[in-house]
Amino acid sequence: MKRILVLYGVLMAALIGLLKYLDYRFLVRDFSWEGYVGIISVIFTLFGIWLGIKWAKPNQPLAIKNEESLNSDLKVLDLADSGLSEREYEVLQLMAKGLSNQEIADQLHISLNTVKTHTSNLYSKLDVRRRTQAVQKAKELGLLL
């Protein structure tokens, strides 16, 4: 964000410098001061619109990531039958890879408390008490490979 603001400021300074140079060299007779202000306004308005469109792109929907095709009907049915949400399933997959709660939070861009909540929900839905039991039970149910 800071980089974009600095770039924006440098661009504004460069354009004003260019217009001042052109003011003294060529365009003294062609434009009034209001014309220069209008040119700068149009340039920065267009730049602002472009930047707004770039930042306002909708986020891609979260997809369940697995080594094999999770888009198959069988895997989707297994997930629905188990009662797990997509996010709980993602947490379960990362648990199976041996990641800590903090590492899971960092990878999924969620808070540590949210990971703990998902973990607690996983334990209750799978009827287990530990991470290793959760992973083992998920493998037995065919949720993990």
C-alpha atoms as a PDB file:
ATOM      1  CA  MET A   1       0.000   0.000   0.000  1.00  0.00           C
ATOM      2  CA  LYS A   2       2.813   2.407   0.910  1.00  0.00           C
ATOM      3  CA  ARG A   3       4.602   1.541  -2.315  1.00  0.00           C
ATOM      4  CA  ILE A   4       1.550   2.444  -4.384  1.00  0.00           C
ATOM      5  CA  LEU A   5       1.090   5.731  -2.537  1.00  0.00           C
ATOM      6  CA  VAL A   6       4.745   6.662  -3.085  1.00  0.00           C
ATOM      7  CA  LEU A   7       4.466   5.686  -6.757  1.00  0.00           C
ATOM      8  CA  TYR A   8       1.311   7.770  -7.052  1.00  0.00           C
ATOM      9  CA  GLY A   9       3.067  10.784  -5.488  1.00  0.00           C
ATOM     10  CA  VAL A  10       6.135  10.423  -7.713  1.00  0.00           C
ATOM     11  CA  LEU A  11       3.919  10.136 -10.771  1.00  0.00           C
ATOM     12  CA  MET A  12       2.017  13.260  -9.762  1.00  0.00           C
ATOM     13  CA  ALA A  13       5.262  15.199  -9.227  1.00  0.00           C
ATOM     14  CA  ALA A  14       6.627  14.018 -12.584  1.00  0.00           C
ATOM     15  CA  LEU A  15       3.463  15.065 -14.416  1.00  0.00           C
ATOM     16  CA  ILE A  16       3.418  18.460 -12.758  1.00  0.00           C
ATOM     17  CA  GLY A  17       7.106  18.902 -13.635  1.00  0.00           C
ATOM     18  CA  LEU A  18       6.425  17.909 -17.230  1.00  0.00           C
ATOM     19  CA  LEU A  19       3.527  20.307 -17.490  1.00  0.00           C
ATOM     20  CA  LYS A  20       5.635  23.120 -16.030  1.00  0.00           C
ATOM     21  CA  TYR A  21       8.354  22.376 -18.569  1.00  0.00           C
ATOM     22  CA  LEU A  22       5.818  22.372 -21.393  1.00  0.00           C
ATOM     23  CA  ASP A  23       4.287  25.537 -19.973  1.00  0.00           C
ATOM     24  CA  TYR A  24       7.557  27.377 -20.367  1.00  0.00           C
ATOM     25  CA  ARG A  25       8.478  25.873 -23.733  1.00  0.00           C
ATOM     26  CA  PHE A  26       5.506  25.255 -25.946  1.00  0.00           C
ATOM     27  CA  LEU A  27       2.068  25.575 -24.448  1.00  0.00           C
ATOM     28  CA  VAL A  28       2.178  29.050 -22.960  1.00  0.00           C
ATOM     29  CA  ARG A  29      -0.151  30.408 -25.585  1.00  0.00           C
ATOM     30  CA  ASP A  30      -2.371  27.338 -26.027  1.00  0.00           C
ATOM     31  CA  PHE A  31      -3.689  26.570 -22.539  1.00  0.00           C
ATOM     32  CA  SER A  32      -4.645  28.605 -19.532  1.00  0.00           C
ATOM     33  CA  TRP A  33      -3.846  27.524 -15.971  1.00  0.00           C
ATOM     34  CA  GLU A  34      -7.261  25.889 -15.730  1.00  0.00           C
ATOM     35  CA  GLY A  35      -6.381  23.739 -18.746  1.00  0.00           C
ATOM     36  CA  TYR A  36      -3.342  22.328 -16.974  1.00  0.00           C
ATOM     37  CA  VAL A  37      -5.336  21.607 -13.847  1.00  0.00           C
ATOM     38  CA  GLY A  38      -7.945  19.865 -16.003  1.00  0.00           C
ATOM     39  CA  ILE A  39      -5.294  17.703 -17.687  1.00  0.00           C
ATOM     40  CA  ILE A  40      -3.852  16.666 -14.327  1.00  0.00           C
ATOM     41  CA  SER A  41      -7.349  15.964 -12.984  1.00  0.00           C
ATOM     42  CA  VAL A  42      -8.244  13.741 -15.930  1.00  0.00           C
ATOM     43  CA  ILE A  43      -4.976  11.790 -15.722  1.00  0.00           C
ATOM     44  CA  PHE A  44      -5.306  11.101 -12.009  1.00  0.00           C
ATOM     45  CA  THR A  45      -9.006  10.350 -12.254  1.00  0.00           C
ATOM     46  CA  LEU A  46      -8.287   7.707 -14.896  1.00  0.00           C
ATOM     47  CA  PHE A  47      -5.438   6.330 -12.785  1.00  0.00           C
ATOM     48  CA  GLY A  48      -7.740   6.188  -9.731  1.00  0.00           C
ATOM     49  CA  ILE A  49     -10.448   4.372 -11.685  1.00  0.00           C
ATOM     50  CA  TRP A  50      -7.919   1.847 -12.991  1.00  0.00           C
ATOM     51  CA  LEU A  51      -6.535   1.296  -9.484  1.00  0.00           C
ATOM     52  CA  GLY A  52     -10.046   0.895  -8.042  1.00  0.00           C
ATOM     53  CA  ILE A  53     -10.960  -1.701 -10.647  1.00  0.00           C
ATOM     54  CA  LYS A  54      -7.722  -3.568 -10.006  1.00  0.00           C
ATOM     55  CA  TRP A  55      -8.287  -3.676  -6.224  1.00  0.00           C
ATOM     56  CA  ALA A  56     -12.010  -4.417  -6.429  1.00  0.00           C
ATOM     57  CA  LYS A  57     -11.648  -7.712  -8.274  1.00  0.00           C
ATOM     58  CA  PRO A  58     -13.718 -10.362  -6.517  1.00  0.00           C
ATOM     59  CA  ASN A  59     -11.728 -12.932  -4.595  1.00  0.00           C
ATOM     60  CA  GLN A  60     -11.511 -16.399  -6.009  1.00  0.00           C
ATOM     61  CA  PRO A  61     -13.716 -18.869  -4.139  1.00  0.00           C
ATOM     62  CA  LEU A  62     -11.840 -21.150  -1.799  1.00  0.00           C
ATOM     63  CA  ALA A  63     -11.376 -24.595  -3.204  1.00  0.00           C
ATOM     64  CA  ILE A  64     -10.678 -27.753  -1.280  1.00  0.00           C
ATOM     65  CA  LYS A  65      -7.145 -28.783  -2.107  1.00  0.00           C
ATOM     66  CA  ASN A  66      -6.099 -32.378  -2.245  1.00  0.00           C
ATOM     67  CA  GLU A  67      -3.650 -34.414  -4.251  1.00  0.00           C
ATOM     68  CA  GLU A  68      -6.427 -36.244  -6.041  1.00  0.00           C
ATOM     69  CA  SER A  69      -9.557 -34.944  -7.659  1.00  0.00           C
ATOM     70  CA  LEU A  70     -11.858 -33.711  -4.933  1.00  0.00           C
ATOM     71  CA  ASN A  71     -14.373 -32.591  -7.478  1.00  0.00           C
ATOM     72  CA  SER A  72     -15.453 -36.166  -7.959  1.00  0.00           C
ATOM     73  CA  ASP A  73     -18.956 -36.927  -6.774  1.00  0.00           C
ATOM     74  CA  LEU A  74     -17.741 -39.609  -4.387  1.00  0.00           C
ATOM     75  CA  LYS A  75     -15.463 -37.245  -2.436  1.00  0.00           C
ATOM     76  CA  VAL A  76     -18.107 -34.521  -2.260  1.00  0.00           C
ATOM     77  CA  LEU A  77     -20.627 -37.052  -0.939  1.00  0.00           C
ATOM     78  CA  ASP A  78     -18.128 -38.283   1.669  1.00  0.00           C
ATOM     79  CA  LEU A  79     -17.554 -34.730   2.853  1.00  0.00           C
ATOM     80  CA  ALA A  80     -21.288 -34.025   3.038  1.00  0.00           C
ATOM     81  CA  ASP A  81     -21.974 -37.301   4.850  1.00  0.00           C
ATOM     82  CA  SER A  82     -19.284 -36.615   7.421  1.00  0.00           C
ATOM     83  CA  GLY A  83     -20.852 -33.293   8.388  1.00  0.00           C
ATOM     84  CA  LEU A  84     -17.579 -31.408   7.961  1.00  0.00           C
ATOM     85  CA  SER A  85     -17.514 -27.950   6.443  1.00  0.00           C
ATOM     86  CA  GLU A  86     -15.062 -27.156   3.661  1.00  0.00           C
ATOM     87  CA  ARG A  87     -12.893 -25.110   6.025  1.00  0.00           C
ATOM     88  CA  GLU A  88     -12.859 -27.863   8.632  1.00  0.00           C
ATOM     89  CA  TYR A  89     -11.786 -30.250   5.908  1.00  0.00           C
ATOM     90  CA  GLU A  90      -8.956 -27.906   4.902  1.00  0.00           C
ATOM     91  CA  VAL A  91      -7.822 -27.746   8.533  1.00  0.00           C
ATOM     92  CA  LEU A  92      -7.968 -31.545   8.714  1.00  0.00           C
ATOM     93  CA  GLN A  93      -5.818 -31.876   5.596  1.00  0.00           C
ATOM     94  CA  LEU A  94      -3.199 -29.521   7.013  1.00  0.00           C
ATOM     95  CA  MET A  95      -3.315 -31.386  10.329  1.00  0.00           C
ATOM     96  CA  ALA A  96      -2.580 -34.577   8.432  1.00  0.00           C
ATOM     97  CA  LYS A  97       0.503 -32.902   6.948  1.00  0.00           C
ATOM     98  CA  GLY A  98       1.758 -32.287  10.491  1.00  0.00           C
ATOM     99  CA  LEU A  99       1.346 -28.520  10.622  1.00  0.00           C
ATOM    100  CA  SER A 100       0.890 -26.750  13.949  1.00  0.00           C
ATOM    101  CA  ASN A 101      -2.152 -24.608  14.674  1.00  0.00           C
ATOM    102  CA  GLN A 102      -0.157 -21.424  14.013  1.00  0.00           C
ATOM    103  CA  GLU A 103       1.131 -22.766  10.694  1.00  0.00           C
ATOM    104  CA  ILE A 104      -2.411 -23.734   9.686  1.00  0.00           C
ATOM    105  CA  ALA A 105      -3.634 -20.247  10.600  1.00  0.00           C
ATOM    106  CA  ASP A 106      -0.874 -18.643   8.547  1.00  0.00           C
ATOM    107  CA  GLN A 107      -1.498 -20.838   5.518  1.00  0.00           C
ATOM    108  CA  LEU A 108      -5.283 -20.363   5.528  1.00  0.00           C
ATOM    109  CA  HIS A 109      -5.057 -16.663   6.473  1.00  0.00           C
ATOM    110  CA  ILE A 110      -7.273 -17.059   9.510  1.00  0.00           C
ATOM    111  CA  SER A 111      -6.721 -16.414  13.218  1.00  0.00           C
ATOM    112  CA  LEU A 112      -5.292 -18.934  15.628  1.00  0.00           C
ATOM    113  CA  ASN A 113      -8.566 -18.967  17.586  1.00  0.00           C
ATOM    114  CA  THR A 114     -10.472 -19.837  14.412  1.00  0.00           C
ATOM    115  CA  VAL A 115      -8.147 -22.790  13.814  1.00  0.00           C
ATOM    116  CA  LYS A 116      -8.728 -23.932  17.393  1.00  0.00           C
ATOM    117  CA  THR A 117     -12.482 -23.673  16.884  1.00  0.00           C
ATOM    118  CA  HIS A 118     -12.327 -25.725  13.673  1.00  0.00           C
ATOM    119  CA  THR A 119     -10.103 -28.266  15.432  1.00  0.00           C
ATOM    120  CA  SER A 120     -12.549 -28.551  18.315  1.00  0.00           C
ATOM    121  CA  ASN A 121     -15.425 -29.017  15.856  1.00  0.00           C
ATOM    122  CA  LEU A 122     -13.429 -31.690  14.033  1.00  0.00           C
ATOM    123  CA  TYR A 123     -12.781 -33.551  17.273  1.00  0.00           C
ATOM    124  CA  SER A 124     -16.454 -33.573  18.192  1.00  0.00           C
ATOM    125  CA  LYS A 125     -17.671 -34.512  14.702  1.00  0.00           C
ATOM    126  CA  LEU A 126     -15.128 -37.324  14.389  1.00  0.00           C
ATOM    127  CA  ASP A 127     -15.575 -38.319  18.049  1.00  0.00           C
ATOM    128  CA  VAL A 128     -11.859 -38.196  18.887  1.00  0.00           C
ATOM    129  CA  ARG A 129      -9.642 -36.454  21.443  1.00  0.00           C
ATOM    130  CA  ARG A 130      -6.313 -35.893  19.646  1.00  0.00           C
ATOM    131  CA  ARG A 131      -4.965 -34.765  16.290  1.00  0.00           C
ATOM    132  CA  THR A 132      -3.489 -38.164  15.508  1.00  0.00           C
ATOM    133  CA  GLN A 133      -6.826 -39.833  16.251  1.00  0.00           C
ATOM    134  CA  ALA A 134      -8.614 -37.304  14.035  1.00  0.00           C
ATOM    135  CA  VAL A 135      -6.271 -37.992  11.128  1.00  0.00           C
ATOM    136  CA  GLN A 136      -6.535 -41.763  11.612  1.00  0.00           C
ATOM    137  CA  LYS A 137     -10.339 -41.665  11.795  1.00  0.00           C
ATOM    138  CA  ALA A 138     -10.522 -39.448   8.702  1.00  0.00           C
ATOM    139  CA  LYS A 139      -8.391 -41.977   6.830  1.00  0.00           C
ATOM    140  CA  GLU A 140     -10.655 -44.798   7.993  1.00  0.00           C
ATOM    141  CA  LEU A 141     -13.717 -42.874   6.804  1.00  0.00           C
ATOM    142  CA  GLY A 142     -12.049 -42.255   3.452  1.00  0.00           C
ATOM    143  CA  LEU A 143     -11.830 -38.488   3.919  1.00  0.00           C
ATOM    144  CA  LEU A 144      -8.048 -38.493   3.667  1.00  0.00           C
ATOM    145  CA  LEU A 145      -5.799 -40.620   1.513  1.00  0.00           C
END
